[in-house]
Amino acid sequence: MNGVLKTTGGAHVMMALWALLVGSSFPLAATFDAVLSPIWLTVVRFFIAAALMLPWVLRTSRWWPRTLRAWVGYTLLGVFLAVFFGSQFIALNMTSALSVAALFVTLPTIAWVLARLVGIERSGFGRLLVLLVGAVGALGLTLRGRDGALSGFGLGEWLFLAGCACSAAYSVSSRLLVVRDWLPESPLLATFWSLLIGACLMALLAMASGGNSDLFWSLLDAMDLAKLALLALFASFLTFWILQRAMQVLMPSSVAAYCYLTPLVSLALALNAGTAHLDAMLLLSLALLAVTVIWLIGSERGSAGRA
């Protein structure tokens, strides 16, 4: 597997798998019963994902945070992750998996704006324009409700958009904290500690807010635990592993391009279920997403050729 990822073609194949895994996570997360607390679902998912990473973390030198700044940095990242995944579970009770998956595509655009504001993004506004084209394409998918009809931007969409902003803030902050020497340059440690601290903070929040944890555990069955384990293994742990290794081979824009493929899984399921139909708006949205993906990957190849 590592040998495959060391080649450009292999890295592209694995990033396509990454898009498939991430895209599949939204329909799977939508299958949980609405009575299950989104906060506790996120807590369990985070703890499972952190446990999967623990063997690799323990092999890392200085894996335990040694400074107050490191603890503060990991806590900040944990809050961002907790809000993102918590908002995902809540939003999926309010809108369709297709809308949530489409909104995930806004991440590169929001991250570009935030990175530009803090001074760590050097690409020009032409890059932002292309990202906005993809975001507009995603908007066409987002405006469809659970029944496939145009439904506008509801509370669920706004909630998950805020979660996407937190996820973008996580990406930008993790880089900024490394540049400022608050955190070591280790994506593994950043992910592990942010998951673990985020889970602890959300558990404390659930207990402090009077959430009935006994009710949650009584309603959580073996199938729910299996689905949470699948989300933690494939949508958290394995996607992290693929992403970090692909970034060693591919340019950042090529990696970002695959984000725009994630709604296709939800779209395929919606088309199969008859809750979405290939009309003019849907085809236009897909065309805009395709243009964005082709431009991002093509521009990186052009840059590599000139180098």
C-alpha atoms as a PDB file:
ATOM      1  CA  MET A   1       0.000   0.000   0.000  1.00  0.00           C
ATOM      2  CA  ASN A   2       2.799   2.413   0.893  1.00  0.00           C
ATOM      3  CA  GLY A   3       4.484   1.599  -2.438  1.00  0.00           C
ATOM      4  CA  VAL A   4       1.309   2.476  -4.326  1.00  0.00           C
ATOM      5  CA  LEU A   5       1.008   5.790  -2.537  1.00  0.00           C
ATOM      6  CA  LYS A   6       4.560   6.774  -3.471  1.00  0.00           C
ATOM      7  CA  THR A   7       3.520   7.081  -7.131  1.00  0.00           C
ATOM      8  CA  THR A   8       1.422   9.959  -8.463  1.00  0.00           C
ATOM      9  CA  GLY A   9      -1.082   7.617 -10.104  1.00  0.00           C
ATOM     10  CA  GLY A  10      -1.404   5.531  -6.965  1.00  0.00           C
ATOM     11  CA  ALA A  11      -1.929   8.629  -4.844  1.00  0.00           C
ATOM     12  CA  HIS A  12      -4.740   9.775  -7.141  1.00  0.00           C
ATOM     13  CA  VAL A  13      -6.396   6.345  -6.876  1.00  0.00           C
ATOM     14  CA  MET A  14      -6.175   6.442  -3.095  1.00  0.00           C
ATOM     15  CA  MET A  15      -7.596   9.974  -2.992  1.00  0.00           C
ATOM     16  CA  ALA A  16     -10.525   8.722  -5.083  1.00  0.00           C
ATOM     17  CA  LEU A  17     -11.001   6.076  -2.379  1.00  0.00           C
ATOM     18  CA  TRP A  18     -10.786   8.859   0.221  1.00  0.00           C
ATOM     19  CA  ALA A  19     -13.598  10.737  -1.541  1.00  0.00           C
ATOM     20  CA  LEU A  20     -15.671   7.536  -1.639  1.00  0.00           C
ATOM     21  CA  LEU A  21     -15.167   6.890   2.083  1.00  0.00           C
ATOM     22  CA  VAL A  22     -15.950  10.467   3.101  1.00  0.00           C
ATOM     23  CA  GLY A  23     -18.925  10.624   0.757  1.00  0.00           C
ATOM     24  CA  SER A  24     -20.289   7.342   2.137  1.00  0.00           C
ATOM     25  CA  SER A  25     -20.068   8.595   5.715  1.00  0.00           C
ATOM     26  CA  PHE A  26     -22.921  11.080   5.282  1.00  0.00           C
ATOM     27  CA  PRO A  27     -25.615   8.556   4.254  1.00  0.00           C
ATOM     28  CA  LEU A  28     -24.373   6.168   6.953  1.00  0.00           C
ATOM     29  CA  ALA A  29     -24.493   8.852   9.650  1.00  0.00           C
ATOM     30  CA  ALA A  30     -28.017   9.724   8.515  1.00  0.00           C
ATOM     31  CA  THR A  31     -29.263   6.251   9.497  1.00  0.00           C
ATOM     32  CA  PHE A  32     -29.031   6.873  13.255  1.00  0.00           C
ATOM     33  CA  ASP A  33     -32.316   7.288  15.105  1.00  0.00           C
ATOM     34  CA  ALA A  34     -33.115  10.956  15.779  1.00  0.00           C
ATOM     35  CA  VAL A  35     -33.710  10.181  19.480  1.00  0.00           C
ATOM     36  CA  LEU A  36     -30.020   9.359  19.948  1.00  0.00           C
ATOM     37  CA  SER A  37     -28.098  12.353  21.308  1.00  0.00           C
ATOM     38  CA  PRO A  38     -25.833  13.845  18.587  1.00  0.00           C
ATOM     39  CA  ILE A  39     -23.398  14.886  21.301  1.00  0.00           C
ATOM     40  CA  TRP A  40     -23.034  11.380  22.705  1.00  0.00           C
ATOM     41  CA  LEU A  41     -22.809   9.899  19.200  1.00  0.00           C
ATOM     42  CA  THR A  42     -19.884  12.227  18.516  1.00  0.00           C
ATOM     43  CA  VAL A  43     -18.262  11.327  21.842  1.00  0.00           C
ATOM     44  CA  VAL A  44     -18.367   7.596  21.098  1.00  0.00           C
ATOM     45  CA  ARG A  45     -17.111   8.100  17.545  1.00  0.00           C
ATOM     46  CA  PHE A  46     -14.205  10.250  18.749  1.00  0.00           C
ATOM     47  CA  PHE A  47     -13.152   7.780  21.451  1.00  0.00           C
ATOM     48  CA  ILE A  48     -13.172   4.877  18.978  1.00  0.00           C
ATOM     49  CA  ALA A  49     -11.132   6.838  16.416  1.00  0.00           C
ATOM     50  CA  ALA A  50      -8.623   7.936  19.077  1.00  0.00           C
ATOM     51  CA  ALA A  51      -8.275   4.339  20.288  1.00  0.00           C
ATOM     52  CA  LEU A  52      -7.498   3.198  16.735  1.00  0.00           C
ATOM     53  CA  MET A  53      -4.731   5.806  16.477  1.00  0.00           C
ATOM     54  CA  LEU A  54      -3.225   5.106  19.905  1.00  0.00           C
ATOM     55  CA  PRO A  55      -0.735   2.353  18.840  1.00  0.00           C
ATOM     56  CA  TRP A  56       0.847   4.701  16.279  1.00  0.00           C
ATOM     57  CA  VAL A  57       0.787   7.638  18.690  1.00  0.00           C
ATOM     58  CA  LEU A  58       2.710   5.676  21.329  1.00  0.00           C
ATOM     59  CA  ARG A  59       5.464   5.000  18.790  1.00  0.00           C
ATOM     60  CA  THR A  60       5.945   8.735  18.277  1.00  0.00           C
ATOM     61  CA  SER A  61       8.630  10.496  20.270  1.00  0.00           C
ATOM     62  CA  ARG A  62       7.340  13.111  22.717  1.00  0.00           C
ATOM     63  CA  TRP A  63       3.737  12.187  22.074  1.00  0.00           C
ATOM     64  CA  TRP A  64       2.640  13.636  25.431  1.00  0.00           C
ATOM     65  CA  PRO A  65       2.082  17.455  25.310  1.00  0.00           C
ATOM     66  CA  ARG A  66       4.769  19.076  27.471  1.00  0.00           C
ATOM     67  CA  THR A  67       3.733  22.743  27.447  1.00  0.00           C
ATOM     68  CA  LEU A  68       0.644  24.744  28.345  1.00  0.00           C
ATOM     69  CA  ARG A  69       0.590  26.178  24.823  1.00  0.00           C
ATOM     70  CA  ALA A  70       0.399  22.665  23.372  1.00  0.00           C
ATOM     71  CA  TRP A  71      -2.553  21.780  25.614  1.00  0.00           C
ATOM     72  CA  VAL A  72      -4.310  25.028  24.661  1.00  0.00           C
ATOM     73  CA  GLY A  73      -3.650  24.381  20.969  1.00  0.00           C
ATOM     74  CA  TYR A  74      -4.956  20.813  21.054  1.00  0.00           C
ATOM     75  CA  THR A  75      -7.992  21.949  23.046  1.00  0.00           C
ATOM     76  CA  LEU A  76      -8.797  24.612  20.447  1.00  0.00           C
ATOM     77  CA  LEU A  77      -8.527  22.028  17.669  1.00  0.00           C
ATOM     78  CA  GLY A  78     -10.675  19.636  19.687  1.00  0.00           C
ATOM     79  CA  VAL A  79     -13.433  22.231  19.985  1.00  0.00           C
ATOM     80  CA  PHE A  80     -13.392  22.818  16.218  1.00  0.00           C
ATOM     81  CA  LEU A  81     -13.623  19.090  15.473  1.00  0.00           C
ATOM     82  CA  ALA A  82     -16.359  18.537  18.046  1.00  0.00           C
ATOM     83  CA  VAL A  83     -18.524  21.317  16.598  1.00  0.00           C
ATOM     84  CA  PHE A  84     -18.049  20.019  13.052  1.00  0.00           C
ATOM     85  CA  PHE A  85     -18.968  16.397  13.716  1.00  0.00           C
ATOM     86  CA  GLY A  86     -21.660  17.290  16.243  1.00  0.00           C
ATOM     87  CA  SER A  87     -23.310  19.638  13.750  1.00  0.00           C
ATOM     88  CA  GLN A  88     -23.179  16.860  11.152  1.00  0.00           C
ATOM     89  CA  PHE A  89     -25.257  14.479  13.285  1.00  0.00           C
ATOM     90  CA  ILE A  90     -27.738  17.244  14.157  1.00  0.00           C
ATOM     91  CA  ALA A  91     -28.051  18.516  10.574  1.00  0.00           C
ATOM     92  CA  LEU A  92     -28.714  15.010   9.255  1.00  0.00           C
ATOM     93  CA  ASN A  93     -31.849  14.950  11.419  1.00  0.00           C
ATOM     94  CA  MET A  94     -33.051  18.148   9.712  1.00  0.00           C
ATOM     95  CA  THR A  95     -32.077  17.795   6.061  1.00  0.00           C
ATOM     96  CA  SER A  96     -30.909  15.263   3.484  1.00  0.00           C
ATOM     97  CA  ALA A  97     -27.549  13.500   3.376  1.00  0.00           C
ATOM     98  CA  LEU A  98     -27.099  14.988  -0.113  1.00  0.00           C
ATOM     99  CA  SER A  99     -27.418  18.539   1.228  1.00  0.00           C
ATOM    100  CA  VAL A 100     -24.922  17.842   4.017  1.00  0.00           C
ATOM    101  CA  ALA A 101     -22.452  16.162   1.648  1.00  0.00           C
ATOM    102  CA  ALA A 102     -22.752  19.062  -0.798  1.00  0.00           C
ATOM    103  CA  LEU A 103     -22.090  21.632   1.922  1.00  0.00           C
ATOM    104  CA  PHE A 104     -18.895  19.739   2.797  1.00  0.00           C
ATOM    105  CA  VAL A 105     -17.590  21.056  -0.543  1.00  0.00           C
ATOM    106  CA  THR A 106     -17.503  24.592   0.897  1.00  0.00           C
ATOM    107  CA  LEU A 107     -14.536  23.619   3.094  1.00  0.00           C
ATOM    108  CA  PRO A 108     -11.750  24.585   0.634  1.00  0.00           C
ATOM    109  CA  THR A 109     -13.338  27.995  -0.001  1.00  0.00           C
ATOM    110  CA  ILE A 110     -13.797  28.807   3.693  1.00  0.00           C
ATOM    111  CA  ALA A 111     -10.304  27.521   4.488  1.00  0.00           C
ATOM    112  CA  TRP A 112      -8.809  29.721   1.736  1.00  0.00           C
ATOM    113  CA  VAL A 113     -10.507  32.828   3.143  1.00  0.00           C
ATOM    114  CA  LEU A 114      -9.449  32.073   6.729  1.00  0.00           C
ATOM    115  CA  ALA A 115      -5.879  31.246   5.685  1.00  0.00           C
ATOM    116  CA  ARG A 116      -5.703  34.477   3.711  1.00  0.00           C
ATOM    117  CA  LEU A 117      -6.914  36.452   6.728  1.00  0.00           C
ATOM    118  CA  VAL A 118      -4.190  35.042   8.997  1.00  0.00           C
ATOM    119  CA  GLY A 119      -1.486  35.389   6.340  1.00  0.00           C
ATOM    120  CA  ILE A 120      -0.623  31.766   5.553  1.00  0.00           C
ATOM    121  CA  GLU A 121      -2.316  31.579   2.118  1.00  0.00           C
ATOM    122  CA  ARG A 122      -0.259  32.966  -0.761  1.00  0.00           C
ATOM    123  CA  SER A 123      -2.230  31.875  -3.828  1.00  0.00           C
ATOM    124  CA  GLY A 124      -4.006  34.575  -5.809  1.00  0.00           C
ATOM    125  CA  PHE A 125      -7.667  35.423  -6.048  1.00  0.00           C
ATOM    126  CA  GLY A 126      -7.920  33.355  -9.235  1.00  0.00           C
ATOM    127  CA  ARG A 127      -7.718  30.281  -7.024  1.00  0.00           C
ATOM    128  CA  LEU A 128     -10.554  31.628  -4.878  1.00  0.00           C
ATOM    129  CA  LEU A 129     -12.676  32.198  -7.987  1.00  0.00           C
ATOM    130  CA  VAL A 130     -12.318  28.544  -8.989  1.00  0.00           C
ATOM    131  CA  LEU A 131     -13.166  27.388  -5.469  1.00  0.00           C
ATOM    132  CA  LEU A 132     -16.261  29.587  -5.563  1.00  0.00           C
ATOM    133  CA  VAL A 133     -17.326  27.943  -8.826  1.00  0.00           C
ATOM    134  CA  GLY A 134     -17.259  24.597  -7.043  1.00  0.00           C
ATOM    135  CA  ALA A 135     -19.128  26.059  -4.074  1.00  0.00           C
ATOM    136  CA  VAL A 136     -21.871  27.354  -6.391  1.00  0.00           C
ATOM    137  CA  GLY A 137     -22.116  23.890  -7.908  1.00  0.00           C
ATOM    138  CA  ALA A 138     -22.541  22.439  -4.434  1.00  0.00           C
ATOM    139  CA  LEU A 139     -25.240  25.009  -3.692  1.00  0.00           C
ATOM    140  CA  GLY A 140     -27.339  23.578  -6.511  1.00  0.00           C
ATOM    141  CA  LEU A 141     -27.238  20.197  -4.773  1.00  0.00           C
ATOM    142  CA  THR A 142     -27.833  21.685  -1.333  1.00  0.00           C
ATOM    143  CA  LEU A 143     -31.088  23.388  -2.289  1.00  0.00           C
ATOM    144  CA  ARG A 144     -32.778  20.011  -2.623  1.00  0.00           C
ATOM    145  CA  GLY A 145     -34.623  18.760   0.449  1.00  0.00           C
ATOM    146  CA  ARG A 146     -35.329  15.233   1.594  1.00  0.00           C
ATOM    147  CA  ASP A 147     -37.926  14.764  -1.155  1.00  0.00           C
ATOM    148  CA  GLY A 148     -35.629  16.007  -3.920  1.00  0.00           C
ATOM    149  CA  ALA A 149     -37.582  19.223  -4.492  1.00  0.00           C
ATOM    150  CA  LEU A 150     -36.128  22.715  -4.208  1.00  0.00           C
ATOM    151  CA  SER A 151     -36.444  23.612  -0.540  1.00  0.00           C
ATOM    152  CA  GLY A 152     -34.096  26.510   0.088  1.00  0.00           C
ATOM    153  CA  PHE A 153     -31.528  26.893   2.853  1.00  0.00           C
ATOM    154  CA  GLY A 154     -33.011  25.635   6.115  1.00  0.00           C
ATOM    155  CA  LEU A 155     -31.789  25.483   9.702  1.00  0.00           C
ATOM    156  CA  GLY A 156     -30.013  22.177   9.116  1.00  0.00           C
ATOM    157  CA  GLU A 157     -28.016  23.634   6.229  1.00  0.00           C
ATOM    158  CA  TRP A 158     -27.035  26.749   8.187  1.00  0.00           C
ATOM    159  CA  LEU A 159     -26.027  24.619  11.161  1.00  0.00           C
ATOM    160  CA  PHE A 160     -23.768  22.348   9.135  1.00  0.00           C
ATOM    161  CA  LEU A 161     -22.325  25.329   7.249  1.00  0.00           C
ATOM    162  CA  ALA A 162     -21.220  26.677  10.637  1.00  0.00           C
ATOM    163  CA  GLY A 163     -19.739  23.250  11.331  1.00  0.00           C
ATOM    164  CA  CYS A 164     -17.858  23.389   8.026  1.00  0.00           C
ATOM    165  CA  ALA A 165     -16.459  26.779   9.051  1.00  0.00           C
ATOM    166  CA  CYS A 166     -15.158  25.141  12.242  1.00  0.00           C
ATOM    167  CA  SER A 167     -13.596  22.315  10.226  1.00  0.00           C
ATOM    168  CA  ALA A 168     -11.896  24.873   7.977  1.00  0.00           C
ATOM    169  CA  ALA A 169     -10.741  26.724  11.099  1.00  0.00           C
ATOM    170  CA  TYR A 170      -9.289  23.419  12.344  1.00  0.00           C
ATOM    171  CA  SER A 171      -7.201  23.036   9.170  1.00  0.00           C
ATOM    172  CA  VAL A 172      -5.973  26.626   9.233  1.00  0.00           C
ATOM    173  CA  SER A 173      -5.351  26.687  12.994  1.00  0.00           C
ATOM    174  CA  SER A 174      -3.413  23.419  12.960  1.00  0.00           C
ATOM    175  CA  ARG A 175      -1.029  24.911  10.404  1.00  0.00           C
ATOM    176  CA  LEU A 176      -0.837  28.288  12.153  1.00  0.00           C
ATOM    177  CA  LEU A 177      -0.111  26.681  15.534  1.00  0.00           C
ATOM    178  CA  VAL A 178       2.768  24.724  13.999  1.00  0.00           C
ATOM    179  CA  VAL A 179       4.172  27.869  12.355  1.00  0.00           C
ATOM    180  CA  ARG A 180       3.968  29.713  15.697  1.00  0.00           C
ATOM    181  CA  ASP A 181       5.715  26.779  17.483  1.00  0.00           C
ATOM    182  CA  TRP A 182       2.741  25.991  19.689  1.00  0.00           C
ATOM    183  CA  LEU A 183       2.440  22.442  18.341  1.00  0.00           C
ATOM    184  CA  PRO A 184       4.897  19.943  16.816  1.00  0.00           C
ATOM    185  CA  GLU A 185       4.646  19.287  13.082  1.00  0.00           C
ATOM    186  CA  SER A 186       2.808  15.992  13.490  1.00  0.00           C
ATOM    187  CA  PRO A 187      -0.661  15.591  11.925  1.00  0.00           C
ATOM    188  CA  LEU A 188      -1.030  12.294  13.785  1.00  0.00           C
ATOM    189  CA  LEU A 189      -0.603  13.907  17.205  1.00  0.00           C
ATOM    190  CA  ALA A 190      -2.820  16.852  16.270  1.00  0.00           C
ATOM    191  CA  THR A 191      -5.610  14.537  15.151  1.00  0.00           C
ATOM    192  CA  PHE A 192      -5.281  12.166  18.112  1.00  0.00           C
ATOM    193  CA  TRP A 193      -5.257  14.816  20.822  1.00  0.00           C
ATOM    194  CA  SER A 194      -7.975  16.926  19.223  1.00  0.00           C
ATOM    195  CA  LEU A 195     -10.212  13.834  18.982  1.00  0.00           C
ATOM    196  CA  LEU A 196      -9.506  12.791  22.564  1.00  0.00           C
ATOM    197  CA  ILE A 197      -9.861  16.262  24.080  1.00  0.00           C
ATOM    198  CA  GLY A 198     -12.905  16.991  21.915  1.00  0.00           C
ATOM    199  CA  ALA A 199     -14.572  13.801  23.149  1.00  0.00           C
ATOM    200  CA  CYS A 200     -13.870  14.685  26.791  1.00  0.00           C
ATOM    201  CA  LEU A 201     -15.190  18.234  26.368  1.00  0.00           C
ATOM    202  CA  MET A 202     -18.375  17.034  24.666  1.00  0.00           C
ATOM    203  CA  ALA A 203     -18.952  14.410  27.356  1.00  0.00           C
ATOM    204  CA  LEU A 204     -18.619  17.101  30.032  1.00  0.00           C
ATOM    205  CA  LEU A 205     -20.988  19.351  28.067  1.00  0.00           C
ATOM    206  CA  ALA A 206     -23.563  16.577  27.765  1.00  0.00           C
ATOM    207  CA  MET A 207     -23.450  15.841  31.487  1.00  0.00           C
ATOM    208  CA  ALA A 208     -23.463  19.524  32.498  1.00  0.00           C
ATOM    209  CA  SER A 209     -26.427  20.323  30.253  1.00  0.00           C
ATOM    210  CA  GLY A 210     -28.530  17.673  31.920  1.00  0.00           C
ATOM    211  CA  GLY A 211     -28.489  15.277  28.991  1.00  0.00           C
ATOM    212  CA  ASN A 212     -29.845  11.867  29.912  1.00  0.00           C
ATOM    213  CA  SER A 213     -26.820   9.665  29.269  1.00  0.00           C
ATOM    214  CA  ASP A 214     -28.622   6.630  30.723  1.00  0.00           C
ATOM    215  CA  LEU A 215     -31.320   7.016  28.062  1.00  0.00           C
ATOM    216  CA  PHE A 216     -28.703   7.254  25.318  1.00  0.00           C
ATOM    217  CA  TRP A 217     -26.905   4.097  26.403  1.00  0.00           C
ATOM    218  CA  SER A 218     -30.181   2.223  26.815  1.00  0.00           C
ATOM    219  CA  LEU A 219     -31.231   3.137  23.262  1.00  0.00           C
ATOM    220  CA  LEU A 220     -27.813   2.513  21.682  1.00  0.00           C
ATOM    221  CA  ASP A 221     -27.833  -1.020  20.282  1.00  0.00           C
ATOM    222  CA  ALA A 222     -25.193  -3.255  18.709  1.00  0.00           C
ATOM    223  CA  MET A 223     -26.017  -2.037  15.200  1.00  0.00           C
ATOM    224  CA  ASP A 224     -25.504   1.592  16.268  1.00  0.00           C
ATOM    225  CA  LEU A 225     -22.130   0.711  17.795  1.00  0.00           C
ATOM    226  CA  ALA A 226     -21.146  -1.128  14.623  1.00  0.00           C
ATOM    227  CA  LYS A 227     -22.025   1.911  12.502  1.00  0.00           C
ATOM    228  CA  LEU A 228     -20.071   4.211  14.821  1.00  0.00           C
ATOM    229  CA  ALA A 229     -17.100   1.847  14.601  1.00  0.00           C
ATOM    230  CA  LEU A 230     -17.320   1.906  10.792  1.00  0.00           C
ATOM    231  CA  LEU A 231     -17.431   5.712  10.792  1.00  0.00           C
ATOM    232  CA  ALA A 232     -14.448   5.889  13.144  1.00  0.00           C
ATOM    233  CA  LEU A 233     -12.423   3.310  11.196  1.00  0.00           C
ATOM    234  CA  PHE A 234     -13.124   4.310   7.604  1.00  0.00           C
ATOM    235  CA  ALA A 235     -14.335   7.942   7.740  1.00  0.00           C
ATOM    236  CA  SER A 236     -11.896   9.097  10.443  1.00  0.00           C
ATOM    237  CA  PHE A 237      -8.863   6.811  10.811  1.00  0.00           C
ATOM    238  CA  LEU A 238      -8.400   5.466   7.264  1.00  0.00           C
ATOM    239  CA  THR A 239      -9.203   8.782   5.557  1.00  0.00           C
ATOM    240  CA  PHE A 240      -6.633  10.490   7.790  1.00  0.00           C
ATOM    241  CA  TRP A 241      -4.038   7.865   6.848  1.00  0.00           C
ATOM    242  CA  ILE A 242      -4.720   8.244   3.109  1.00  0.00           C
ATOM    243  CA  LEU A 243      -4.771  12.041   3.257  1.00  0.00           C
ATOM    244  CA  GLN A 244      -1.460  12.408   5.066  1.00  0.00           C
ATOM    245  CA  ARG A 245       0.351  10.063   2.682  1.00  0.00           C
ATOM    246  CA  ALA A 246      -1.214  11.500  -0.456  1.00  0.00           C
ATOM    247  CA  MET A 247      -0.109  14.985   0.609  1.00  0.00           C
ATOM    248  CA  GLN A 248       3.495  13.742   0.474  1.00  0.00           C
ATOM    249  CA  VAL A 249       3.074  13.036  -3.265  1.00  0.00           C
ATOM    250  CA  LEU A 250       0.349  15.352  -4.588  1.00  0.00           C
ATOM    251  CA  MET A 251       0.146  19.137  -4.587  1.00  0.00           C
ATOM    252  CA  PRO A 252      -2.355  20.762  -2.171  1.00  0.00           C
ATOM    253  CA  SER A 253      -4.749  21.762  -4.963  1.00  0.00           C
ATOM    254  CA  SER A 254      -4.901  18.193  -6.268  1.00  0.00           C
ATOM    255  CA  VAL A 255      -5.747  16.956  -2.785  1.00  0.00           C
ATOM    256  CA  ALA A 256      -8.398  19.660  -2.365  1.00  0.00           C
ATOM    257  CA  ALA A 257      -9.941  18.720  -5.719  1.00  0.00           C
ATOM    258  CA  TYR A 258     -11.137  15.381  -4.379  1.00  0.00           C
ATOM    259  CA  CYS A 259     -13.251  17.156  -1.781  1.00  0.00           C
ATOM    260  CA  TYR A 260     -15.561  18.122  -4.652  1.00  0.00           C
ATOM    261  CA  LEU A 261     -16.256  14.460  -5.438  1.00  0.00           C
ATOM    262  CA  THR A 262     -17.686  13.612  -2.007  1.00  0.00           C
ATOM    263  CA  PRO A 263     -21.344  14.537  -2.780  1.00  0.00           C
ATOM    264  CA  LEU A 264     -21.459  12.016  -5.642  1.00  0.00           C
ATOM    265  CA  VAL A 265     -22.065   9.060  -3.300  1.00  0.00           C
ATOM    266  CA  SER A 266     -25.083  10.728  -1.701  1.00  0.00           C
ATOM    267  CA  LEU A 267     -26.280  11.825  -5.138  1.00  0.00           C
ATOM    268  CA  ALA A 268     -26.045   8.279  -6.511  1.00  0.00           C
ATOM    269  CA  LEU A 269     -28.053   6.945  -3.565  1.00  0.00           C
ATOM    270  CA  ALA A 270     -30.640   9.719  -3.955  1.00  0.00           C
ATOM    271  CA  LEU A 271     -31.012   8.976  -7.675  1.00  0.00           C
ATOM    272  CA  ASN A 272     -31.390   5.268  -6.951  1.00  0.00           C
ATOM    273  CA  ALA A 273     -34.031   5.969  -4.292  1.00  0.00           C
ATOM    274  CA  GLY A 274     -35.901   8.321  -6.592  1.00  0.00           C
ATOM    275  CA  THR A 275     -35.496  11.334  -4.281  1.00  0.00           C
ATOM    276  CA  ALA A 276     -33.390  13.183  -6.869  1.00  0.00           C
ATOM    277  CA  HIS A 277     -33.773  13.518 -10.627  1.00  0.00           C
ATOM    278  CA  LEU A 278     -31.404  14.565 -13.403  1.00  0.00           C
ATOM    279  CA  ASP A 279     -32.789  17.980 -14.285  1.00  0.00           C
ATOM    280  CA  ALA A 280     -31.110  21.110 -15.639  1.00  0.00           C
ATOM    281  CA  MET A 281     -30.039  22.451 -12.224  1.00  0.00           C
ATOM    282  CA  LEU A 282     -28.538  19.138 -11.182  1.00  0.00           C
ATOM    283  CA  LEU A 283     -26.603  18.791 -14.431  1.00  0.00           C
ATOM    284  CA  LEU A 284     -25.338  22.378 -14.149  1.00  0.00           C
ATOM    285  CA  SER A 285     -24.229  21.748 -10.563  1.00  0.00           C
ATOM    286  CA  LEU A 286     -22.331  18.621 -11.619  1.00  0.00           C
ATOM    287  CA  ALA A 287     -20.719  20.528 -14.500  1.00  0.00           C
ATOM    288  CA  LEU A 288     -19.474  23.252 -12.141  1.00  0.00           C
ATOM    289  CA  LEU A 289     -18.046  20.635  -9.773  1.00  0.00           C
ATOM    290  CA  ALA A 290     -16.330  18.886 -12.700  1.00  0.00           C
ATOM    291  CA  VAL A 291     -14.793  22.156 -13.928  1.00  0.00           C
ATOM    292  CA  THR A 292     -13.435  22.833 -10.440  1.00  0.00           C
ATOM    293  CA  VAL A 293     -11.882  19.367 -10.094  1.00  0.00           C
ATOM    294  CA  ILE A 294     -10.317  19.446 -13.569  1.00  0.00           C
ATOM    295  CA  TRP A 295      -8.915  22.957 -13.071  1.00  0.00           C
ATOM    296  CA  LEU A 296      -7.412  22.212  -9.652  1.00  0.00           C
ATOM    297  CA  ILE A 297      -5.693  19.015 -10.781  1.00  0.00           C
ATOM    298  CA  GLY A 298      -4.691  20.487 -14.155  1.00  0.00           C
ATOM    299  CA  SER A 299      -3.215  23.643 -12.645  1.00  0.00           C
ATOM    300  CA  GLU A 300      -1.025  21.609 -10.309  1.00  0.00           C
ATOM    301  CA  ARG A 301       0.269  19.508 -13.221  1.00  0.00           C
ATOM    302  CA  GLY A 302       1.033  22.686 -15.123  1.00  0.00           C
ATOM    303  CA  SER A 303       2.945  24.083 -12.161  1.00  0.00           C
ATOM    304  CA  ALA A 304       4.883  20.842 -11.803  1.00  0.00           C
ATOM    305  CA  GLY A 305       5.734  20.884 -15.520  1.00  0.00           C
ATOM    306  CA  ARG A 306       7.060  24.447 -15.355  1.00  0.00           C
ATOM    307  CA  ALA A 307       9.119  23.541 -12.295  1.00  0.00           C
END
